[in-house]
Amino acid sequence: MMRSSKLLGLAIVLGVAIAVPGVAIAQEAPAITQVFIMEVGDNLDAFLAEAKNNETIYARLGINAKRTYRQATLAGVQMGQIALTIDYANLEAFAVAQQKLATDAEWQKYIDKLNANGIVAESNSIWMDITP
């Protein structure tokens, strides 16, 4: 009984939202987060300095994505690793960004410089927001 009254309440709210002019129910694609686990060794300062170049390149290419850097501090063998998360509005925004980066010479130089300093991506994964 409780479930059916909740469903009825939801149907009423949705019906009101649809019936009110100017109110639309958005069906947006889910947000996407790219997660890199970075091994930086003793090069944390160099990695963080290069992070500013990352932001500059993204801005120049018109890529709208929020980057967050987190360091594992209580993590066993992952101690000291960096989780670099890059939030995109949706999968399409991620794909467009990847196309731009793949053909950008400055981006390739940035990656080459990180690798030359012993900074490597241990993993690269895509996470989709499924928050109810």
Protein backbone atom coordinates (compact mmCIF):
# COMPACT_ATOMS: atom_id res chain seq x y z
CA MET A 1 0.00 0.00 0.00
CA MET A 2 2.81 2.40 0.94
CA ARG A 3 4.62 1.67 -2.33
CA SER A 4 1.54 2.37 -4.44
CA SER A 5 0.92 5.70 -2.67
CA LYS A 6 4.56 6.71 -3.29
CA LEU A 7 4.18 5.83 -6.97
CA LEU A 8 0.93 7.77 -7.12
CA GLY A 9 2.65 10.76 -5.50
CA LEU A 10 5.49 10.56 -8.01
CA ALA A 11 3.04 10.32 -10.90
CA ILE A 12 1.21 13.41 -9.64
CA VAL A 13 4.45 15.39 -9.27
CA LEU A 14 5.58 14.35 -12.74
CA GLY A 15 2.16 15.14 -14.18
CA VAL A 16 2.22 18.62 -12.63
CA ALA A 17 5.73 19.23 -13.90
CA ILE A 18 4.73 18.23 -17.42
CA ALA A 19 1.52 20.26 -17.32
CA VAL A 20 3.15 23.49 -16.09
CA PRO A 21 4.36 25.58 -19.03
CA GLY A 22 8.11 26.17 -19.00
CA VAL A 23 8.84 23.18 -16.78
CA ALA A 24 10.50 20.28 -18.53
CA ILE A 25 11.85 17.02 -17.27
CA ALA A 26 15.40 16.74 -18.46
CA GLN A 27 16.65 13.36 -19.52
CA GLU A 28 20.34 14.10 -19.43
CA ALA A 29 23.03 11.59 -20.14
CA PRO A 30 24.86 10.51 -16.99
CA ALA A 31 28.02 12.28 -15.94
CA ILE A 32 31.29 10.51 -16.70
CA THR A 33 34.45 10.50 -14.59
CA GLN A 34 37.77 9.39 -16.00
CA VAL A 35 39.96 8.01 -13.20
CA PHE A 36 43.72 7.72 -13.53
CA ILE A 37 45.76 6.08 -10.81
CA MET A 38 49.17 7.72 -11.10
CA GLU A 39 52.47 6.43 -9.79
CA VAL A 40 54.62 9.51 -9.15
CA GLY A 41 57.38 8.08 -6.93
CA ASP A 42 59.50 10.92 -5.54
CA ASN A 43 58.21 13.30 -8.22
CA LEU A 44 55.06 14.61 -6.55
CA ASP A 45 56.15 18.26 -6.82
CA ALA A 46 56.96 17.84 -10.52
CA PHE A 47 53.63 16.12 -11.11
CA LEU A 48 51.67 18.89 -9.40
CA ALA A 49 53.63 21.55 -11.30
CA GLU A 50 52.76 19.81 -14.55
CA ALA A 51 49.10 19.72 -13.49
CA LYS A 52 48.93 23.43 -14.28
CA ASN A 53 50.04 22.64 -17.85
CA ASN A 54 47.24 20.07 -18.02
CA GLU A 55 44.72 22.76 -17.13
CA THR A 56 46.23 25.20 -19.66
CA ILE A 57 46.01 22.65 -22.47
CA TYR A 58 42.41 21.76 -21.61
CA ALA A 59 41.46 25.46 -21.59
CA ARG A 60 43.18 26.11 -24.94
CA LEU A 61 41.34 23.17 -26.50
CA GLY A 62 38.01 24.30 -25.04
CA ILE A 63 37.59 21.16 -22.94
CA ASN A 64 35.24 21.77 -20.04
CA ALA A 65 36.16 19.20 -17.41
CA LYS A 66 36.88 19.43 -13.70
CA ARG A 67 40.11 17.81 -12.54
CA THR A 68 40.70 16.67 -8.95
CA TYR A 69 43.94 15.31 -7.53
CA ARG A 70 43.88 13.05 -4.46
CA GLN A 71 46.76 11.24 -2.79
CA ALA A 72 46.41 7.87 -1.05
CA THR A 73 47.52 8.36 2.53
CA LEU A 74 46.24 5.20 4.22
CA ALA A 75 46.27 2.65 1.44
CA GLY A 76 48.73 -0.18 1.89
CA VAL A 77 50.69 -0.78 -1.31
CA GLN A 78 48.88 2.13 -2.99
CA MET A 79 50.36 4.56 -0.43
CA GLY A 80 51.40 7.77 -2.18
CA GLN A 81 49.64 7.05 -5.44
CA ILE A 82 47.58 9.84 -6.96
CA ALA A 83 44.00 9.48 -8.12
CA LEU A 84 43.44 12.02 -10.86
CA THR A 85 39.75 12.31 -11.61
CA ILE A 86 38.41 14.23 -14.59
CA ASP A 87 34.67 14.93 -14.61
CA TYR A 88 32.85 15.32 -17.93
CA ALA A 89 29.21 16.29 -18.42
CA ASN A 90 28.51 13.07 -20.35
CA LEU A 91 30.08 10.42 -22.57
CA GLU A 92 29.85 12.67 -25.64
CA ALA A 93 31.86 15.42 -23.88
CA PHE A 94 34.45 12.81 -22.90
CA ALA A 95 34.71 11.52 -26.50
CA VAL A 96 35.12 15.03 -27.93
CA ALA A 97 37.84 15.78 -25.38
CA GLN A 98 39.70 12.57 -26.24
CA GLN A 99 39.59 13.42 -29.96
CA LYS A 100 41.04 16.87 -29.31
CA LEU A 101 43.79 15.55 -27.01
CA ALA A 102 44.77 12.73 -29.38
CA THR A 103 45.66 15.19 -32.12
CA ASP A 104 47.28 17.89 -29.99
CA ALA A 105 51.11 18.10 -30.16
CA GLU A 106 51.38 20.05 -26.89
CA TRP A 107 49.37 17.35 -25.09
CA GLN A 108 51.72 14.64 -26.38
CA LYS A 109 54.72 16.66 -25.15
CA TYR A 110 53.02 16.96 -21.76
CA ILE A 111 52.57 13.17 -21.53
CA ASP A 112 56.14 12.54 -22.74
CA LYS A 113 57.49 14.90 -20.05
CA LEU A 114 55.53 13.11 -17.33
CA ASN A 115 56.85 9.74 -18.50
CA ALA A 116 60.43 11.07 -18.68
CA ASN A 117 60.09 12.07 -15.01
CA GLY A 118 58.99 8.54 -14.07
CA ILE A 119 55.35 9.54 -13.68
CA VAL A 120 53.09 6.89 -15.19
CA ALA A 121 49.41 6.03 -15.23
CA GLU A 122 48.99 2.68 -13.47
CA SER A 123 45.38 2.52 -14.62
CA ASN A 124 42.83 4.50 -16.59
CA SER A 125 39.12 3.82 -16.22
CA ILE A 126 35.80 5.45 -16.96
CA TRP A 127 33.15 5.68 -14.25
CA MET A 128 29.52 6.57 -14.90
CA ASP A 129 27.39 8.38 -12.32
CA ILE A 130 24.49 6.13 -11.34
CA THR A 131 23.34 8.16 -8.33
CA PRO A 132 19.60 7.59 -7.94
